[in-house]
Amino acid sequence: MSHAIEAADVWSVLEEVHDPEIPVISVVDLGLIQGIEVSGGHVRVSLTPTFAGCPALHVMRREIEERLRALGADPAEVVIVLSPPWTTDRITPDGREQLRAFGLAPAPFHGGQVEIALTQAVECPYCHSLDTVLKNGFGPTACRSIHYCNNCQQPFEAFKPI
């Protein structure tokens, strides 16, 4: 038997779901949630991956569904939404700080001007220096690149501006 679920409860549950590839940030702070719909016991979450081929997508979807069912949602539905596509501008300010603390530089806000963002120096998440260089445009996932800080001499990953 389902019961009425509040939208605030759903958002709270979603804050507990983390990207398995970046476990320090929730799907909410990463900006993957396009929206939620709550009607009595029925909950529908619209989830946008960082890119269509995201290998963690099925893990996040399953965890969201499980947590919503544990909340009492019947049914719990997660819909994958590809339009509008995800952009690094959707990462919340708190999410950006969580990424930095993890050693992953967030992409700068670009407002759709990705070409300009690609030419900007990436700030080192360790010492905040802009004296950094791109070492490899391909990191461990399609949305990340590898950089090196000439100031503190630390390698680090950065989100590509998308």
N, C-alpha and C. Protein backbone atom coordinates (compact mmCIF):
# COMPACT_ATOMS: atom_id res chain seq x y z
N MET A 1 0.85 -1.19 0.00
CA MET A 1 0.00 0.00 0.00
C MET A 1 0.89 1.24 0.00
N SER A 2 0.62 2.12 -0.92
CA SER A 2 1.43 3.33 -1.02
C SER A 2 0.85 4.42 -0.12
N HIS A 3 1.67 5.41 0.21
CA HIS A 3 1.23 6.55 1.01
C HIS A 3 1.73 7.82 0.34
N ALA A 4 1.17 8.94 0.76
CA ALA A 4 1.57 10.22 0.16
C ALA A 4 3.01 10.53 0.52
N ILE A 5 3.76 10.88 -0.48
CA ILE A 5 5.16 11.23 -0.32
C ILE A 5 5.31 12.69 -0.70
N GLU A 6 6.09 13.40 0.08
CA GLU A 6 6.32 14.82 -0.18
C GLU A 6 7.54 15.00 -1.09
N ALA A 7 7.51 16.04 -1.90
CA ALA A 7 8.63 16.33 -2.79
C ALA A 7 9.93 16.52 -2.01
N ALA A 8 9.85 17.15 -0.83
CA ALA A 8 11.05 17.37 -0.01
C ALA A 8 11.67 16.04 0.39
N ASP A 9 10.85 15.02 0.63
CA ASP A 9 11.36 13.69 0.98
C ASP A 9 12.13 13.09 -0.19
N VAL A 10 11.62 13.29 -1.39
CA VAL A 10 12.27 12.76 -2.58
C VAL A 10 13.62 13.45 -2.78
N TRP A 11 13.65 14.78 -2.66
CA TRP A 11 14.91 15.51 -2.81
C TRP A 11 15.92 15.05 -1.76
N SER A 12 15.45 14.80 -0.55
CA SER A 12 16.34 14.34 0.52
C SER A 12 16.95 12.98 0.17
N VAL A 13 16.13 12.08 -0.37
CA VAL A 13 16.62 10.76 -0.78
C VAL A 13 17.63 10.91 -1.92
N LEU A 14 17.36 11.79 -2.87
CA LEU A 14 18.25 11.98 -4.00
C LEU A 14 19.60 12.55 -3.57
N GLU A 15 19.62 13.34 -2.50
CA GLU A 15 20.88 13.88 -1.97
C GLU A 15 21.78 12.75 -1.46
N GLU A 16 21.20 11.60 -1.14
CA GLU A 16 21.96 10.46 -0.62
C GLU A 16 22.52 9.56 -1.72
N VAL A 17 22.10 9.80 -2.96
CA VAL A 17 22.56 8.99 -4.09
C VAL A 17 23.77 9.69 -4.72
N HIS A 18 24.89 8.98 -4.75
CA HIS A 18 26.12 9.56 -5.27
C HIS A 18 26.51 8.92 -6.59
N ASP A 19 27.21 9.70 -7.39
CA ASP A 19 27.75 9.18 -8.64
C ASP A 19 28.80 8.13 -8.26
N PRO A 20 28.67 6.90 -8.73
CA PRO A 20 29.64 5.86 -8.35
C PRO A 20 31.06 6.14 -8.83
N GLU A 21 31.21 6.97 -9.85
CA GLU A 21 32.55 7.30 -10.34
C GLU A 21 33.16 8.48 -9.58
N ILE A 22 32.32 9.25 -8.91
CA ILE A 22 32.77 10.39 -8.11
C ILE A 22 31.95 10.35 -6.82
N PRO A 23 32.31 9.48 -5.90
CA PRO A 23 31.46 9.21 -4.74
C PRO A 23 31.30 10.34 -3.74
N VAL A 24 31.96 11.46 -3.95
CA VAL A 24 31.85 12.58 -3.01
C VAL A 24 30.69 13.53 -3.36
N ILE A 25 30.04 13.31 -4.48
CA ILE A 25 29.02 14.26 -4.92
C ILE A 25 27.71 13.53 -5.23
N SER A 26 26.61 14.13 -4.80
CA SER A 26 25.30 13.53 -5.05
C SER A 26 24.83 13.84 -6.47
N VAL A 27 23.85 13.08 -6.90
CA VAL A 27 23.28 13.32 -8.23
C VAL A 27 22.60 14.69 -8.28
N VAL A 28 22.17 15.19 -7.12
CA VAL A 28 21.55 16.52 -7.06
C VAL A 28 22.63 17.59 -7.27
N ASP A 29 23.72 17.50 -6.49
CA ASP A 29 24.78 18.51 -6.61
C ASP A 29 25.52 18.44 -7.94
N LEU A 30 25.54 17.27 -8.55
CA LEU A 30 26.15 17.13 -9.87
C LEU A 30 25.24 17.70 -10.97
N GLY A 31 23.98 17.96 -10.62
CA GLY A 31 23.04 18.55 -11.57
C GLY A 31 22.40 17.56 -12.51
N LEU A 32 22.33 16.30 -12.09
CA LEU A 32 21.77 15.26 -12.96
C LEU A 32 20.25 15.15 -12.89
N ILE A 33 19.65 15.77 -11.90
CA ILE A 33 18.19 15.66 -11.74
C ILE A 33 17.52 16.82 -12.47
N GLN A 34 16.77 16.49 -13.52
CA GLN A 34 16.04 17.51 -14.29
C GLN A 34 14.77 17.92 -13.55
N GLY A 35 14.20 16.98 -12.80
CA GLY A 35 12.98 17.29 -12.06
C GLY A 35 12.38 16.05 -11.44
N ILE A 36 11.40 16.29 -10.58
CA ILE A 36 10.67 15.19 -9.96
C ILE A 36 9.18 15.49 -10.06
N GLU A 37 8.40 14.42 -10.09
CA GLU A 37 6.95 14.51 -10.05
C GLU A 37 6.47 13.56 -8.96
N VAL A 38 5.63 14.07 -8.06
CA VAL A 38 5.10 13.26 -6.97
C VAL A 38 3.59 13.35 -7.01
N SER A 39 2.95 12.19 -7.04
CA SER A 39 1.49 12.14 -7.01
C SER A 39 1.10 10.97 -6.12
N GLY A 40 0.75 11.30 -4.87
CA GLY A 40 0.43 10.24 -3.91
C GLY A 40 1.67 9.39 -3.68
N GLY A 41 1.57 8.11 -3.99
CA GLY A 41 2.70 7.20 -3.82
C GLY A 41 3.54 7.07 -5.07
N HIS A 42 3.10 7.64 -6.18
CA HIS A 42 3.85 7.55 -7.43
C HIS A 42 4.92 8.64 -7.48
N VAL A 43 6.16 8.24 -7.74
CA VAL A 43 7.26 9.20 -7.86
C VAL A 43 7.97 8.96 -9.18
N ARG A 44 8.16 10.04 -9.90
CA ARG A 44 8.88 9.98 -11.17
C ARG A 44 10.04 10.97 -11.11
N VAL A 45 11.24 10.48 -11.36
CA VAL A 45 12.44 11.31 -11.35
C VAL A 45 13.00 11.36 -12.76
N SER A 46 13.28 12.56 -13.24
CA SER A 46 13.91 12.73 -14.55
C SER A 46 15.41 12.92 -14.32
N LEU A 47 16.19 11.99 -14.87
CA LEU A 47 17.64 11.95 -14.67
C LEU A 47 18.34 12.17 -16.00
N THR A 48 19.29 13.11 -16.00
CA THR A 48 20.07 13.40 -17.20
C THR A 48 21.52 13.01 -16.93
N PRO A 49 22.07 12.08 -17.70
CA PRO A 49 23.47 11.69 -17.49
C PRO A 49 24.43 12.76 -18.00
N THR A 50 25.68 12.68 -17.54
CA THR A 50 26.69 13.63 -18.02
C THR A 50 26.91 13.47 -19.52
N PHE A 51 26.74 12.26 -20.02
CA PHE A 51 26.71 12.02 -21.46
C PHE A 51 25.94 10.73 -21.70
N ALA A 52 25.41 10.56 -22.90
CA ALA A 52 24.48 9.47 -23.20
C ALA A 52 25.06 8.09 -22.91
N GLY A 53 26.36 7.92 -23.07
CA GLY A 53 26.97 6.61 -22.85
C GLY A 53 27.55 6.43 -21.46
N CYS A 54 27.11 7.21 -20.50
CA CYS A 54 27.67 7.17 -19.14
C CYS A 54 27.55 5.75 -18.57
N PRO A 55 28.70 5.12 -18.24
CA PRO A 55 28.65 3.75 -17.74
C PRO A 55 28.04 3.62 -16.35
N ALA A 56 27.94 4.71 -15.60
CA ALA A 56 27.37 4.66 -14.25
C ALA A 56 25.87 4.88 -14.24
N LEU A 57 25.30 5.16 -15.39
CA LEU A 57 23.88 5.50 -15.47
C LEU A 57 22.98 4.43 -14.89
N HIS A 58 23.21 3.16 -15.25
CA HIS A 58 22.33 2.10 -14.75
C HIS A 58 22.46 1.92 -13.25
N VAL A 59 23.65 2.17 -12.69
CA VAL A 59 23.87 2.05 -11.25
C VAL A 59 23.09 3.14 -10.52
N MET A 60 23.18 4.38 -11.00
CA MET A 60 22.47 5.48 -10.36
C MET A 60 20.96 5.28 -10.48
N ARG A 61 20.50 4.86 -11.62
CA ARG A 61 19.07 4.64 -11.84
C ARG A 61 18.54 3.59 -10.87
N ARG A 62 19.27 2.48 -10.75
CA ARG A 62 18.83 1.40 -9.86
C ARG A 62 18.82 1.88 -8.40
N GLU A 63 19.86 2.60 -7.99
CA GLU A 63 19.91 3.06 -6.61
C GLU A 63 18.78 4.06 -6.31
N ILE A 64 18.49 4.94 -7.24
CA ILE A 64 17.39 5.89 -7.05
C ILE A 64 16.08 5.13 -6.90
N GLU A 65 15.82 4.18 -7.79
CA GLU A 65 14.58 3.40 -7.71
C GLU A 65 14.48 2.66 -6.38
N GLU A 66 15.57 2.04 -5.93
CA GLU A 66 15.56 1.30 -4.66
C GLU A 66 15.27 2.23 -3.49
N ARG A 67 15.91 3.38 -3.47
CA ARG A 67 15.71 4.32 -2.36
C ARG A 67 14.30 4.90 -2.37
N LEU A 68 13.76 5.13 -3.55
CA LEU A 68 12.39 5.64 -3.63
C LEU A 68 11.38 4.59 -3.16
N ARG A 69 11.61 3.33 -3.52
CA ARG A 69 10.73 2.25 -3.04
C ARG A 69 10.82 2.13 -1.52
N ALA A 70 12.04 2.27 -0.96
CA ALA A 70 12.22 2.22 0.49
C ALA A 70 11.49 3.38 1.17
N LEU A 71 11.35 4.49 0.46
CA LEU A 71 10.60 5.64 0.96
C LEU A 71 9.10 5.38 0.93
N GLY A 72 8.69 4.40 0.13
CA GLY A 72 7.27 4.06 0.02
C GLY A 72 6.68 4.37 -1.34
N ALA A 73 7.50 4.76 -2.28
CA ALA A 73 7.00 5.07 -3.62
C ALA A 73 6.52 3.79 -4.30
N ASP A 74 5.34 3.87 -4.89
CA ASP A 74 4.79 2.74 -5.62
C ASP A 74 3.89 3.28 -6.73
N PRO A 75 4.38 3.37 -7.94
CA PRO A 75 5.69 2.92 -8.40
C PRO A 75 6.75 4.01 -8.25
N ALA A 76 7.99 3.57 -8.34
CA ALA A 76 9.15 4.47 -8.38
C ALA A 76 9.69 4.40 -9.80
N GLU A 77 9.70 5.51 -10.47
CA GLU A 77 10.09 5.53 -11.89
C GLU A 77 11.23 6.53 -12.11
N VAL A 78 12.26 6.09 -12.79
CA VAL A 78 13.37 6.97 -13.16
C VAL A 78 13.41 7.00 -14.69
N VAL A 79 13.22 8.18 -15.23
CA VAL A 79 13.19 8.38 -16.67
C VAL A 79 14.49 9.06 -17.08
N ILE A 80 15.14 8.52 -18.08
CA ILE A 80 16.37 9.11 -18.59
C ILE A 80 15.99 10.18 -19.61
N VAL A 81 16.48 11.39 -19.37
CA VAL A 81 16.16 12.54 -20.22
C VAL A 81 17.47 13.04 -20.84
N LEU A 82 17.53 13.07 -22.16
CA LEU A 82 18.74 13.50 -22.86
C LEU A 82 18.64 14.92 -23.41
N SER A 83 17.47 15.52 -23.33
CA SER A 83 17.28 16.86 -23.85
C SER A 83 16.48 17.69 -22.85
N PRO A 84 16.98 18.82 -22.41
CA PRO A 84 18.26 19.38 -22.79
C PRO A 84 19.40 18.56 -22.19
N PRO A 85 20.52 18.54 -22.88
CA PRO A 85 21.65 17.74 -22.37
C PRO A 85 22.24 18.36 -21.11
N TRP A 86 22.92 17.51 -20.35
CA TRP A 86 23.61 17.97 -19.15
C TRP A 86 24.76 18.89 -19.54
N THR A 87 25.05 19.82 -18.68
CA THR A 87 26.19 20.72 -18.87
C THR A 87 26.87 20.90 -17.52
N THR A 88 28.16 21.15 -17.53
CA THR A 88 28.89 21.36 -16.28
C THR A 88 28.39 22.60 -15.53
N ASP A 89 27.69 23.49 -16.20
CA ASP A 89 27.10 24.65 -15.53
C ASP A 89 26.04 24.23 -14.51
N ARG A 90 25.54 23.01 -14.61
CA ARG A 90 24.49 22.52 -13.69
C ARG A 90 25.05 22.07 -12.34
N ILE A 91 26.35 21.93 -12.21
CA ILE A 91 26.94 21.53 -10.93
C ILE A 91 26.71 22.66 -9.94
N THR A 92 26.16 22.34 -8.77
CA THR A 92 25.85 23.35 -7.77
C THR A 92 27.13 23.92 -7.16
N PRO A 93 27.05 25.10 -6.54
CA PRO A 93 28.22 25.63 -5.83
C PRO A 93 28.75 24.66 -4.77
N ASP A 94 27.87 24.01 -4.01
CA ASP A 94 28.31 23.02 -3.02
C ASP A 94 28.99 21.85 -3.72
N GLY A 95 28.44 21.43 -4.84
CA GLY A 95 29.04 20.33 -5.60
C GLY A 95 30.43 20.68 -6.10
N ARG A 96 30.62 21.93 -6.51
CA ARG A 96 31.93 22.38 -6.99
C ARG A 96 32.96 22.30 -5.86
N GLU A 97 32.55 22.69 -4.66
CA GLU A 97 33.46 22.62 -3.52
C GLU A 97 33.77 21.17 -3.15
N GLN A 98 32.77 20.30 -3.24
CA GLN A 98 32.99 18.87 -2.96
C GLN A 98 33.98 18.28 -3.96
N LEU A 99 33.87 18.67 -5.22
CA LEU A 99 34.79 18.18 -6.25
C LEU A 99 36.21 18.66 -5.96
N ARG A 100 36.35 19.95 -5.63
CA ARG A 100 37.68 20.49 -5.33
C ARG A 100 38.32 19.75 -4.15
N ALA A 101 37.53 19.53 -3.09
CA ALA A 101 38.05 18.84 -1.90
C ALA A 101 38.48 17.41 -2.25
N PHE A 102 37.86 16.83 -3.26
CA PHE A 102 38.18 15.48 -3.72
C PHE A 102 39.41 15.48 -4.62
N GLY A 103 39.83 16.67 -5.08
CA GLY A 103 40.97 16.78 -5.98
C GLY A 103 40.59 16.78 -7.45
N LEU A 104 39.34 17.09 -7.74
CA LEU A 104 38.84 17.13 -9.12
C LEU A 104 38.38 18.55 -9.42
N ALA A 105 39.03 19.20 -10.35
CA ALA A 105 38.71 20.58 -10.68
C ALA A 105 37.40 20.65 -11.46
N PRO A 106 36.43 21.43 -10.97
CA PRO A 106 35.20 21.59 -11.75
C PRO A 106 35.46 22.49 -12.95
N ALA A 107 34.71 22.29 -14.00
CA ALA A 107 34.83 23.16 -15.17
C ALA A 107 34.32 24.56 -14.80
N PRO A 108 34.86 25.59 -15.44
CA PRO A 108 34.35 26.94 -15.16
C PRO A 108 32.94 27.09 -15.72
N PHE A 109 32.19 28.03 -15.15
CA PHE A 109 30.89 28.35 -15.74
C PHE A 109 31.16 28.92 -17.12
N HIS A 110 30.37 28.49 -18.10
CA HIS A 110 30.63 28.94 -19.45
C HIS A 110 29.40 29.46 -20.17
N GLY A 111 28.22 29.24 -19.62
CA GLY A 111 27.00 29.76 -20.22
C GLY A 111 26.81 29.36 -21.68
N GLY A 112 27.33 28.20 -22.04
CA GLY A 112 27.20 27.72 -23.40
C GLY A 112 28.37 28.09 -24.30
N GLN A 113 29.28 28.90 -23.82
CA GLN A 113 30.46 29.31 -24.58
C GLN A 113 31.60 28.32 -24.30
N VAL A 114 31.41 27.07 -24.67
CA VAL A 114 32.36 26.01 -24.37
C VAL A 114 33.71 26.28 -25.01
N GLU A 115 33.72 26.86 -26.21
CA GLU A 115 34.98 27.14 -26.90
C GLU A 115 35.87 28.05 -26.07
N ILE A 116 35.28 29.05 -25.44
CA ILE A 116 36.04 29.98 -24.60
C ILE A 116 36.54 29.26 -23.36
N ALA A 117 35.68 28.46 -22.74
CA ALA A 117 36.06 27.73 -21.52
C ALA A 117 37.21 26.77 -21.80
N LEU A 118 37.26 26.21 -22.99
CA LEU A 118 38.33 25.26 -23.32
C LEU A 118 39.70 25.94 -23.41
N THR A 119 39.71 27.25 -23.64
CA THR A 119 40.99 27.96 -23.75
C THR A 119 41.46 28.52 -22.41
N GLN A 120 40.63 28.47 -21.39
CA GLN A 120 40.99 29.01 -20.08
C GLN A 120 41.86 28.03 -19.31
N ALA A 121 42.76 28.58 -18.51
CA ALA A 121 43.57 27.73 -17.62
C ALA A 121 42.66 27.10 -16.58
N VAL A 122 42.96 25.87 -16.22
CA VAL A 122 42.19 25.14 -15.21
C VAL A 122 42.83 25.38 -13.85
N GLU A 123 42.02 25.78 -12.89
CA GLU A 123 42.53 26.04 -11.55
C GLU A 123 42.83 24.74 -10.82
N CYS A 124 44.01 24.67 -10.23
CA CYS A 124 44.43 23.49 -9.47
C CYS A 124 43.53 23.36 -8.23
N PRO A 125 42.94 22.20 -8.01
CA PRO A 125 42.07 22.03 -6.84
C PRO A 125 42.85 21.97 -5.52
N TYR A 126 44.17 21.82 -5.59
CA TYR A 126 44.98 21.70 -4.38
C TYR A 126 45.52 23.05 -3.90
N CYS A 127 46.12 23.83 -4.82
CA CYS A 127 46.75 25.10 -4.41
C CYS A 127 46.08 26.32 -5.06
N HIS A 128 45.10 26.09 -5.93
CA HIS A 128 44.33 27.15 -6.60
C HIS A 128 45.13 27.95 -7.62
N SER A 129 46.27 27.44 -8.01
CA SER A 129 47.08 28.11 -9.02
C SER A 129 46.45 27.92 -10.41
N LEU A 130 46.67 28.92 -11.26
CA LEU A 130 46.26 28.81 -12.65
C LEU A 130 47.44 28.42 -13.55
N ASP A 131 48.58 28.17 -12.95
CA ASP A 131 49.76 27.75 -13.69
C ASP A 131 49.69 26.22 -13.88
N THR A 132 48.75 25.82 -14.71
CA THR A 132 48.49 24.40 -14.95
C THR A 132 48.55 24.11 -16.44
N VAL A 133 48.80 22.85 -16.76
CA VAL A 133 48.84 22.44 -18.17
C VAL A 133 48.01 21.18 -18.35
N LEU A 134 47.41 21.09 -19.52
CA LEU A 134 46.68 19.89 -19.90
C LEU A 134 47.69 18.82 -20.28
N LYS A 135 47.60 17.66 -19.65
CA LYS A 135 48.50 16.55 -19.97
C LYS A 135 47.82 15.55 -20.89
N ASN A 136 46.54 15.35 -20.71
CA ASN A 136 45.81 14.41 -21.56
C ASN A 136 44.34 14.81 -21.58
N GLY A 137 43.78 14.98 -22.75
CA GLY A 137 42.38 15.33 -22.89
C GLY A 137 41.44 14.19 -22.53
N PHE A 138 42.02 13.02 -22.30
CA PHE A 138 41.20 11.86 -21.96
C PHE A 138 41.57 11.37 -20.58
N GLY A 139 40.64 11.49 -19.65
CA GLY A 139 40.83 11.02 -18.29
C GLY A 139 40.19 9.65 -18.11
N PRO A 140 39.93 9.27 -16.87
CA PRO A 140 39.36 7.96 -16.60
C PRO A 140 37.91 7.80 -17.07
N THR A 141 37.24 8.92 -17.31
CA THR A 141 35.89 8.90 -17.89
C THR A 141 35.86 9.91 -19.02
N ALA A 142 34.86 9.81 -19.87
CA ALA A 142 34.78 10.68 -21.04
C ALA A 142 34.61 12.16 -20.69
N CYS A 143 34.13 12.46 -19.49
CA CYS A 143 33.87 13.85 -19.13
C CYS A 143 35.02 14.48 -18.34
N ARG A 144 36.16 13.78 -18.22
CA ARG A 144 37.28 14.31 -17.43
C ARG A 144 38.58 14.29 -18.23
N SER A 145 39.48 15.20 -17.86
CA SER A 145 40.80 15.29 -18.48
C SER A 145 41.86 15.31 -17.38
N ILE A 146 43.12 15.13 -17.77
CA ILE A 146 44.21 15.08 -16.80
C ILE A 146 45.11 16.30 -16.98
N HIS A 147 45.42 16.95 -15.87
CA HIS A 147 46.20 18.19 -15.86
C HIS A 147 47.36 18.06 -14.88
N TYR A 148 48.26 19.03 -14.96
CA TYR A 148 49.40 19.09 -14.05
C TYR A 148 49.57 20.52 -13.58
N CYS A 149 49.81 20.68 -12.27
CA CYS A 149 50.02 22.01 -11.70
C CYS A 149 51.51 22.26 -11.58
N ASN A 150 51.98 23.30 -12.25
CA ASN A 150 53.40 23.67 -12.19
C ASN A 150 53.77 24.27 -10.84
N ASN A 151 52.79 24.78 -10.11
CA ASN A 151 53.06 25.41 -8.83
C ASN A 151 53.28 24.38 -7.71
N CYS A 152 52.31 23.50 -7.49
CA CYS A 152 52.44 22.51 -6.40
C CYS A 152 52.91 21.15 -6.92
N GLN A 153 53.07 21.04 -8.23
CA GLN A 153 53.58 19.84 -8.89
C GLN A 153 52.71 18.60 -8.67
N GLN A 154 51.41 18.84 -8.60
CA GLN A 154 50.46 17.74 -8.43
C GLN A 154 49.71 17.49 -9.74
N PRO A 155 49.57 16.25 -10.14
CA PRO A 155 48.65 15.95 -11.24
C PRO A 155 47.23 15.97 -10.67
N PHE A 156 46.27 16.30 -11.51
CA PHE A 156 44.87 16.29 -11.07
C PHE A 156 43.96 16.11 -12.28
N GLU A 157 42.74 15.71 -11.98
CA GLU A 157 41.73 15.58 -13.02
C GLU A 157 40.83 16.81 -13.00
N ALA A 158 40.23 17.08 -14.14
CA ALA A 158 39.29 18.20 -14.23
C ALA A 158 38.10 17.78 -15.09
N PHE A 159 36.94 18.30 -14.74
CA PHE A 159 35.77 18.13 -15.59
C PHE A 159 35.98 18.92 -16.86
N LYS A 160 35.69 18.32 -17.99
CA LYS A 160 35.74 19.07 -19.24
C LYS A 160 34.50 19.97 -19.28
N PRO A 161 34.65 21.19 -19.79
CA PRO A 161 33.46 22.03 -19.94
C PRO A 161 32.55 21.44 -21.00
N ILE A 162 31.39 21.09 -20.58
CA ILE A 162 30.40 20.46 -21.48
C ILE A 162 29.15 21.31 -21.47
